[in-house]
Amino acid sequence: MPVSHWPLCARPVEFDAVVTDYSMPAMSGLEFALALRERAKNLPIAVRSGVISDDMLQAFGRIGVHELMRKENTLDAPGPLLRRMLPHCS
């Protein structure tokens, strides 16, 4: 399915933030983050991955992903993550 058909990509301004995984069936987290960034320049994006390489850190940094984190560190404490991504909501 083309990215443009994903509801989130079609209307990203309806969301305050996005937390996604790096490994997905239809595209990578990088491709998804790029599609979101094209449509919503200031949308906070966090990406979870089991393995994080220097190349990933650089690629996600270039497109303005707010957080790149290991999977085991993300679901235990969603509050702190969202407070970092959405400081105006604290």
C-alpha atoms as a PDB file:
ATOM      1  CA  MET A   1       0.000   0.000   0.000  1.00  0.00           C
ATOM      2  CA  PRO A   2       1.445   3.408  -0.900  1.00  0.00           C
ATOM      3  CA  VAL A   3       2.346   5.655   1.997  1.00  0.00           C
ATOM      4  CA  SER A   4      -0.191   8.217   0.826  1.00  0.00           C
ATOM      5  CA  HIS A   5      -2.973   5.731   1.608  1.00  0.00           C
ATOM      6  CA  TRP A   6      -1.949   5.369   5.254  1.00  0.00           C
ATOM      7  CA  PRO A   7      -4.385   7.517   7.269  1.00  0.00           C
ATOM      8  CA  LEU A   8      -1.602   8.830   9.486  1.00  0.00           C
ATOM      9  CA  CYS A   9       0.462   9.970   6.513  1.00  0.00           C
ATOM     10  CA  ALA A  10      -2.546  11.506   4.811  1.00  0.00           C
ATOM     11  CA  ARG A  11      -3.470  13.618   7.857  1.00  0.00           C
ATOM     12  CA  PRO A  12      -0.455  13.852  10.210  1.00  0.00           C
ATOM     13  CA  VAL A  13      -1.553  17.236  11.553  1.00  0.00           C
ATOM     14  CA  GLU A  14      -4.342  15.407  13.392  1.00  0.00           C
ATOM     15  CA  PHE A  15      -1.716  13.835  15.692  1.00  0.00           C
ATOM     16  CA  ASP A  16       0.359  15.394  18.463  1.00  0.00           C
ATOM     17  CA  ALA A  17       3.227  12.881  18.162  1.00  0.00           C
ATOM     18  CA  VAL A  18       4.087   9.540  16.568  1.00  0.00           C
ATOM     19  CA  VAL A  19       5.935   6.599  18.106  1.00  0.00           C
ATOM     20  CA  THR A  20       6.706   3.908  15.546  1.00  0.00           C
ATOM     21  CA  ASP A  21       8.872   0.859  15.080  1.00  0.00           C
ATOM     22  CA  TYR A  22      11.856   0.640  12.758  1.00  0.00           C
ATOM     23  CA  SER A  23      10.956  -2.813  11.386  1.00  0.00           C
ATOM     24  CA  MET A  24       7.552  -2.874   9.732  1.00  0.00           C
ATOM     25  CA  PRO A  25       6.178  -5.062   6.937  1.00  0.00           C
ATOM     26  CA  ALA A  26       5.421  -2.397   4.328  1.00  0.00           C
ATOM     27  CA  MET A  27       8.338   0.006   4.887  1.00  0.00           C
ATOM     28  CA  SER A  28      11.088   0.838   7.345  1.00  0.00           C
ATOM     29  CA  GLY A  29      10.668   3.303  10.176  1.00  0.00           C
ATOM     30  CA  LEU A  30      12.991   5.629   8.278  1.00  0.00           C
ATOM     31  CA  GLU A  31      10.746   5.598   5.196  1.00  0.00           C
ATOM     32  CA  PHE A  32       7.696   6.156   7.392  1.00  0.00           C
ATOM     33  CA  ALA A  33       9.366   9.030   9.262  1.00  0.00           C
ATOM     34  CA  LEU A  34      10.372  10.620   5.941  1.00  0.00           C
ATOM     35  CA  ALA A  35       6.789  10.387   4.670  1.00  0.00           C
ATOM     36  CA  LEU A  36       5.513  11.999   7.859  1.00  0.00           C
ATOM     37  CA  ARG A  37       8.176  14.715   7.785  1.00  0.00           C
ATOM     38  CA  GLU A  38       7.211  15.661   4.211  1.00  0.00           C
ATOM     39  CA  ARG A  39       3.671  16.349   5.385  1.00  0.00           C
ATOM     40  CA  ALA A  40       4.244  17.708   8.896  1.00  0.00           C
ATOM     41  CA  LYS A  41       7.574  19.453   9.435  1.00  0.00           C
ATOM     42  CA  ASN A  42       7.176  19.879  13.206  1.00  0.00           C
ATOM     43  CA  LEU A  43       5.489  16.603  14.163  1.00  0.00           C
ATOM     44  CA  PRO A  44       7.431  14.946  17.010  1.00  0.00           C
ATOM     45  CA  ILE A  45       8.513  11.464  15.902  1.00  0.00           C
ATOM     46  CA  ALA A  46      10.103   8.698  17.965  1.00  0.00           C
ATOM     47  CA  VAL A  47      11.336   5.419  16.479  1.00  0.00           C
ATOM     48  CA  ARG A  48      11.879   2.169  18.376  1.00  0.00           C
ATOM     49  CA  SER A  49      14.388  -0.439  17.256  1.00  0.00           C
ATOM     50  CA  GLY A  50      15.941  -3.568  18.680  1.00  0.00           C
ATOM     51  CA  VAL A  51      19.325  -2.550  17.291  1.00  0.00           C
ATOM     52  CA  ILE A  52      20.568   1.002  16.800  1.00  0.00           C
ATOM     53  CA  SER A  53      23.582   1.666  14.585  1.00  0.00           C
ATOM     54  CA  ASP A  54      25.557   4.854  14.055  1.00  0.00           C
ATOM     55  CA  ASP A  55      24.158   4.992  10.505  1.00  0.00           C
ATOM     56  CA  MET A  56      20.605   4.899  11.884  1.00  0.00           C
ATOM     57  CA  LEU A  57      21.388   7.658  14.382  1.00  0.00           C
ATOM     58  CA  GLN A  58      22.732   9.847  11.592  1.00  0.00           C
ATOM     59  CA  ALA A  59      19.882   9.119   9.170  1.00  0.00           C
ATOM     60  CA  PHE A  60      17.157   9.781  11.717  1.00  0.00           C
ATOM     61  CA  GLY A  61      18.975  12.865  12.985  1.00  0.00           C
ATOM     62  CA  ARG A  62      19.096  14.311   9.463  1.00  0.00           C
ATOM     63  CA  ILE A  63      15.318  14.128   9.104  1.00  0.00           C
ATOM     64  CA  GLY A  64      14.608  15.456  12.591  1.00  0.00           C
ATOM     65  CA  VAL A  65      13.389  12.389  14.459  1.00  0.00           C
ATOM     66  CA  HIS A  66      13.123  13.435  18.109  1.00  0.00           C
ATOM     67  CA  GLU A  67      14.010  10.098  19.692  1.00  0.00           C
ATOM     68  CA  LEU A  68      15.568   6.868  18.476  1.00  0.00           C
ATOM     69  CA  MET A  69      15.440   4.296  21.241  1.00  0.00           C
ATOM     70  CA  ARG A  70      15.846   0.635  21.981  1.00  0.00           C
ATOM     71  CA  LYS A  71      12.573  -1.256  22.144  1.00  0.00           C
ATOM     72  CA  GLU A  72      13.118  -2.449  25.683  1.00  0.00           C
ATOM     73  CA  ASN A  73      13.260   1.171  26.904  1.00  0.00           C
ATOM     74  CA  THR A  74      10.079   2.516  25.336  1.00  0.00           C
ATOM     75  CA  LEU A  75       6.960   0.843  26.601  1.00  0.00           C
ATOM     76  CA  ASP A  76       7.871   0.746  30.282  1.00  0.00           C
ATOM     77  CA  ALA A  77       7.751   4.516  30.623  1.00  0.00           C
ATOM     78  CA  PRO A  78       5.641   6.183  27.922  1.00  0.00           C
ATOM     79  CA  GLY A  79       5.000   9.208  30.150  1.00  0.00           C
ATOM     80  CA  PRO A  80       8.598  10.489  30.185  1.00  0.00           C
ATOM     81  CA  LEU A  81       8.939   9.876  26.448  1.00  0.00           C
ATOM     82  CA  LEU A  82       5.798  11.841  25.651  1.00  0.00           C
ATOM     83  CA  ARG A  83       6.776  14.656  28.041  1.00  0.00           C
ATOM     84  CA  ARG A  84      10.087  15.019  26.178  1.00  0.00           C
ATOM     85  CA  MET A  85       8.302  15.000  22.827  1.00  0.00           C
ATOM     86  CA  LEU A  86       5.475  17.307  23.930  1.00  0.00           C
ATOM     87  CA  PRO A  87       6.909  19.726  26.499  1.00  0.00           C
ATOM     88  CA  HIS A  88       3.922  22.055  26.106  1.00  0.00           C
ATOM     89  CA  CYS A  89       1.692  19.326  27.612  1.00  0.00           C
ATOM     90  CA  SER A  90       3.694  18.875  30.836  1.00  0.00           C
END
